[in-house]
Amino acid sequence: METARSVLGSDEGQLVHLFALGARYMIDGDTTNRAFSLVEHRLPARALGAPLHTHRNEDEYSYILEGRIGLQLGEDLLVAGPGDLVMKPRGIPHAFWNAGDEEARLLELISPAGFEGYFRELAPLLAAQPMDEAAIGEIVARYQLDIDFSSIPVLAERHGLRLG
């Protein structure tokens, strides 16, 4: 009896960048019948991963592999390290950043799948100069994401983050 086996190598999977945040696609929703997707995020020291935002349709689970990740989850401030799992339920505003002086790496499980497309669509728009704010707004709206852009300077100052 032959068994099908699939392996994703450590240097495989599409990689996109949203400013400092790297997103490597490991398992996409097409593979899981839309049940979940899995993305690896890399984040340089003291970099903001995402400003305060709220998902309407999906839950996220972050498993920290390396470094220290700071999070605002609702009103709570948390720091998670290697081996910690952070649950970010839909409907709860959250933000995350690298809280350390070394690169951080985490696995992001998104359930149900679909939101992983946001990274693919947004990355080229964030890299373009000038940025097309209307196109960015359309993507944010389509993925039913509420983002508080005013939280960026507040998070940067409060947690000693580098922007840009």
Protein backbone atom coordinates (compact mmCIF):
# COMPACT_ATOMS: atom_id res chain seq x y z
CA MET A 1 0.00 0.00 0.00
CA GLU A 2 1.44 3.35 -1.07
CA THR A 3 1.03 6.38 1.20
CA ALA A 4 1.03 9.91 -0.17
CA ARG A 5 3.43 12.17 1.67
CA SER A 6 3.98 15.89 1.38
CA VAL A 7 6.91 17.82 2.82
CA LEU A 8 7.54 21.56 2.65
CA GLY A 9 11.24 22.30 2.98
CA SER A 10 12.54 25.09 5.19
CA ASP A 11 13.38 27.19 2.13
CA GLU A 12 10.11 26.52 0.27
CA GLY A 13 6.82 28.39 0.16
CA GLN A 14 5.96 31.76 -1.32
CA LEU A 15 7.39 34.68 0.68
CA VAL A 16 5.93 38.19 0.74
CA HIS A 17 6.74 41.22 2.89
CA LEU A 18 4.40 43.75 4.45
CA PHE A 19 6.94 46.38 5.45
CA ALA A 20 9.07 44.57 8.09
CA LEU A 21 6.75 41.57 8.47
CA GLY A 22 7.68 38.54 6.39
CA ALA A 23 4.94 36.03 5.50
CA ARG A 24 5.94 32.59 4.16
CA TYR A 25 3.04 30.50 2.93
CA MET A 26 3.27 27.00 4.36
CA ILE A 27 -0.29 25.63 3.99
CA ASP A 28 -2.88 27.48 2.03
CA GLY A 29 -6.65 27.17 2.33
CA ASP A 30 -6.89 25.43 -1.04
CA THR A 31 -4.95 22.53 0.49
CA THR A 32 -7.20 22.22 3.56
CA ASN A 33 -10.60 22.65 1.90
CA ARG A 34 -10.70 26.15 3.49
CA ALA A 35 -10.46 24.75 7.04
CA PHE A 36 -7.25 26.62 7.93
CA SER A 37 -4.05 28.10 6.57
CA LEU A 38 -0.56 28.25 8.08
CA VAL A 39 1.86 31.13 7.56
CA GLU A 40 5.31 31.64 9.05
CA HIS A 41 6.05 35.21 10.10
CA ARG A 42 9.53 36.63 10.60
CA LEU A 43 9.89 39.99 12.26
CA PRO A 44 13.11 41.97 12.83
CA ALA A 45 14.07 43.25 16.27
CA ARG A 46 11.75 45.92 17.69
CA ALA A 47 9.55 45.97 14.56
CA LEU A 48 5.77 46.35 14.45
CA GLY A 49 4.04 43.32 12.93
CA ALA A 50 0.54 44.81 12.74
CA PRO A 51 -1.23 47.83 14.25
CA LEU A 52 -4.37 47.37 16.30
CA HIS A 53 -6.87 45.53 14.10
CA THR A 54 -9.94 43.31 14.36
CA HIS A 55 -10.86 40.30 12.21
CA ARG A 56 -14.55 39.71 11.62
CA ASN A 57 -14.30 36.24 10.02
CA GLU A 58 -11.32 34.30 11.32
CA ASP A 59 -9.48 33.32 14.47
CA GLU A 60 -5.69 33.39 14.61
CA TYR A 61 -3.34 31.26 16.69
CA SER A 62 0.30 32.32 17.00
CA TYR A 63 2.88 29.73 18.06
CA ILE A 64 6.18 31.43 18.90
CA LEU A 65 9.27 29.65 17.56
CA GLU A 66 12.00 32.22 18.28
CA GLY A 67 12.25 35.59 19.98
CA ARG A 68 9.72 37.49 22.04
CA ILE A 69 6.43 38.75 20.65
CA GLY A 70 4.58 41.59 22.34
CA LEU A 71 0.82 41.68 21.92
CA GLN A 72 -2.09 43.85 22.73
CA LEU A 73 -5.17 41.62 22.92
CA GLY A 74 -8.20 43.71 23.75
CA GLU A 75 -7.01 45.78 26.72
CA ASP A 76 -4.41 43.20 27.82
CA LEU A 77 -0.68 43.54 27.11
CA LEU A 78 1.17 40.23 26.79
CA VAL A 79 4.64 38.96 25.93
CA ALA A 80 5.01 35.48 24.47
CA GLY A 81 8.21 33.52 23.93
CA PRO A 82 9.33 30.24 22.34
CA GLY A 83 6.82 27.46 22.91
CA ASP A 84 3.96 29.84 23.81
CA LEU A 85 0.66 29.75 21.93
CA VAL A 86 -1.41 32.93 21.70
CA MET A 87 -5.09 32.75 20.76
CA LYS A 88 -6.52 35.79 18.98
CA PRO A 89 -10.27 35.26 18.52
CA ARG A 90 -12.23 37.08 15.83
CA GLY A 91 -13.92 40.21 17.09
CA ILE A 92 -11.14 41.05 19.60
CA PRO A 93 -8.85 43.95 18.60
CA HIS A 94 -5.18 42.98 18.65
CA ALA A 95 -1.73 44.16 17.60
CA PHE A 96 1.67 42.47 17.69
CA TRP A 97 5.34 43.40 17.52
CA ASN A 98 8.81 42.02 18.14
CA ALA A 99 9.47 42.82 21.81
CA GLY A 100 13.11 41.75 21.70
CA ASP A 101 16.48 42.63 20.22
CA GLU A 102 16.68 39.51 18.02
CA GLU A 103 14.62 38.42 15.03
CA ALA A 104 11.36 36.73 16.04
CA ARG A 105 9.70 33.86 14.20
CA LEU A 106 6.20 32.51 14.69
CA LEU A 107 3.69 30.22 13.04
CA GLU A 108 0.28 31.76 12.40
CA LEU A 109 -2.65 29.38 12.05
CA ILE A 110 -5.67 31.10 10.51
CA SER A 111 -9.10 29.46 10.79
CA PRO A 112 -11.08 29.30 8.66
CA ALA A 113 -8.72 29.86 5.74
CA GLY A 114 -9.00 32.71 3.31
CA PHE A 115 -7.33 35.59 5.13
CA GLU A 116 -3.90 34.41 3.96
CA GLY A 117 -4.77 35.98 0.60
CA TYR A 118 -4.67 39.40 2.30
CA PHE A 119 -0.87 39.21 2.63
CA ARG A 120 -0.43 38.28 -1.06
CA GLU A 121 -2.68 41.08 -2.26
CA LEU A 122 -1.44 43.78 0.08
CA ALA A 123 2.35 43.22 -0.21
CA PRO A 124 2.82 44.71 -3.71
CA LEU A 125 0.65 47.72 -2.84
CA LEU A 126 2.70 48.49 0.28
CA ALA A 127 5.94 48.24 -1.73
CA ALA A 128 4.72 50.59 -4.51
CA GLN A 129 5.58 54.29 -4.50
CA PRO A 130 3.37 56.16 -4.23
CA MET A 131 1.05 53.80 -2.37
CA ASP A 132 -2.46 53.51 -3.76
CA GLU A 133 -4.49 54.15 -0.60
CA ALA A 134 -7.81 53.48 -2.35
CA ALA A 135 -6.63 50.04 -3.49
CA ILE A 136 -5.30 49.27 -0.01
CA GLY A 137 -8.64 50.32 1.48
CA GLU A 138 -10.50 48.05 -0.95
CA ILE A 139 -8.43 45.02 0.10
CA VAL A 140 -8.87 45.81 3.81
CA ALA A 141 -12.64 46.13 3.30
CA ARG A 142 -12.91 42.95 1.22
CA TYR A 143 -11.21 40.92 3.96
CA GLN A 144 -13.53 42.56 6.52
CA LEU A 145 -10.65 43.83 8.62
CA ASP A 146 -10.95 46.89 10.83
CA ILE A 147 -7.57 48.62 11.28
CA ASP A 148 -6.79 51.45 13.69
CA PHE A 149 -3.94 53.21 11.87
CA SER A 150 -3.74 55.81 14.67
CA SER A 151 -2.40 53.01 16.92
CA ILE A 152 0.89 52.85 14.98
CA PRO A 153 2.69 55.85 16.58
CA VAL A 154 1.19 55.00 19.99
CA LEU A 155 2.48 51.40 19.86
CA ALA A 156 5.87 52.55 18.54
CA GLU A 157 6.37 55.05 21.35
CA ARG A 158 4.96 52.84 24.11
CA HIS A 159 7.04 49.76 23.17
CA GLY A 160 10.19 51.31 21.67
CA LEU A 161 9.49 50.06 18.14
CA ARG A 162 11.21 51.05 14.91
CA LEU A 163 8.94 51.98 12.02
CA GLY A 164 9.84 51.80 8.34
